[in-house]
Amino acid sequence: MLKKIFKIKFVQKYTKIYKESGFKGVIKEGGWKVLFYFFLYYLIRDSILYILIPYLIVKGFIF
């Protein structure tokens, strides 16, 4: 129940498709848009984790 509160409808839709027909079904239904959002999410997340946070620690803004 709690997981559904935090999931976006966009993600819920493609999670359901993935469970029914796998990765090929997601690509068939959503196309390159889904892959683009997936790539963009991880690019932003990893940039924050591995570049921005260590930079701020070294500069003394954090800790």
Protein backbone atom coordinates (compact mmCIF):
# COMPACT_ATOMS: atom_id res chain seq x y z
CA MET A 1 0.00 0.00 0.00
CA LEU A 2 2.73 2.47 0.96
CA LYS A 3 4.66 1.73 -2.23
CA LYS A 4 1.71 2.83 -4.37
CA ILE A 5 1.65 6.23 -2.70
CA PHE A 6 5.19 7.04 -3.84
CA LYS A 7 4.97 5.61 -7.37
CA ILE A 8 4.16 7.93 -10.21
CA LYS A 9 1.36 6.83 -12.56
CA PHE A 10 3.86 6.78 -15.43
CA VAL A 11 5.97 4.24 -13.53
CA GLN A 12 2.96 2.20 -12.42
CA LYS A 13 1.78 1.85 -16.01
CA TYR A 14 5.09 0.55 -17.29
CA THR A 15 5.66 -1.66 -14.24
CA LYS A 16 2.39 -3.40 -15.02
CA ILE A 17 3.37 -3.81 -18.68
CA TYR A 18 6.77 -5.17 -17.62
CA LYS A 19 5.17 -7.78 -15.37
CA GLU A 20 2.80 -8.89 -18.13
CA SER A 21 5.02 -8.93 -21.22
CA GLY A 22 8.57 -8.19 -20.11
CA PHE A 23 11.11 -5.68 -21.34
CA LYS A 24 10.10 -6.07 -24.99
CA GLY A 25 6.54 -5.13 -24.09
CA VAL A 26 7.73 -1.96 -22.34
CA ILE A 27 9.79 -0.94 -25.37
CA LYS A 28 6.91 -1.75 -27.72
CA GLU A 29 4.43 0.27 -25.65
CA GLY A 30 6.59 3.22 -24.58
CA GLY A 31 9.30 3.25 -27.20
CA TRP A 32 12.48 5.26 -26.83
CA LYS A 33 10.79 7.65 -24.42
CA VAL A 34 11.00 5.08 -21.63
CA LEU A 35 14.67 4.36 -22.30
CA PHE A 36 15.43 8.09 -22.42
CA TYR A 37 13.78 8.73 -19.03
CA PHE A 38 15.52 5.70 -17.53
CA PHE A 39 18.92 6.91 -18.79
CA LEU A 40 18.27 10.48 -17.67
CA TYR A 41 17.23 9.38 -14.18
CA TYR A 42 20.43 7.41 -13.65
CA LEU A 43 22.60 10.14 -15.18
CA ILE A 44 21.25 12.73 -12.74
CA ARG A 45 21.33 10.39 -9.76
CA ASP A 46 24.89 9.25 -10.35
CA SER A 47 26.09 12.79 -11.03
CA ILE A 48 24.78 13.87 -7.66
CA LEU A 49 26.15 10.84 -5.83
CA TYR A 50 29.59 10.57 -7.39
CA ILE A 51 30.43 14.13 -8.46
CA LEU A 52 28.44 16.77 -6.59
CA ILE A 53 28.48 15.33 -3.05
CA PRO A 54 32.24 14.55 -3.02
CA TYR A 55 32.94 18.00 -4.49
CA LEU A 56 30.91 19.68 -1.76
CA ILE A 57 32.66 17.62 0.92
CA VAL A 58 36.10 18.58 -0.41
CA LYS A 59 35.14 22.27 -0.57
CA GLY A 60 33.85 22.14 3.01
CA PHE A 61 30.18 22.88 2.37
CA ILE A 62 29.13 19.52 3.80
CA PHE A 63 30.62 18.16 7.05
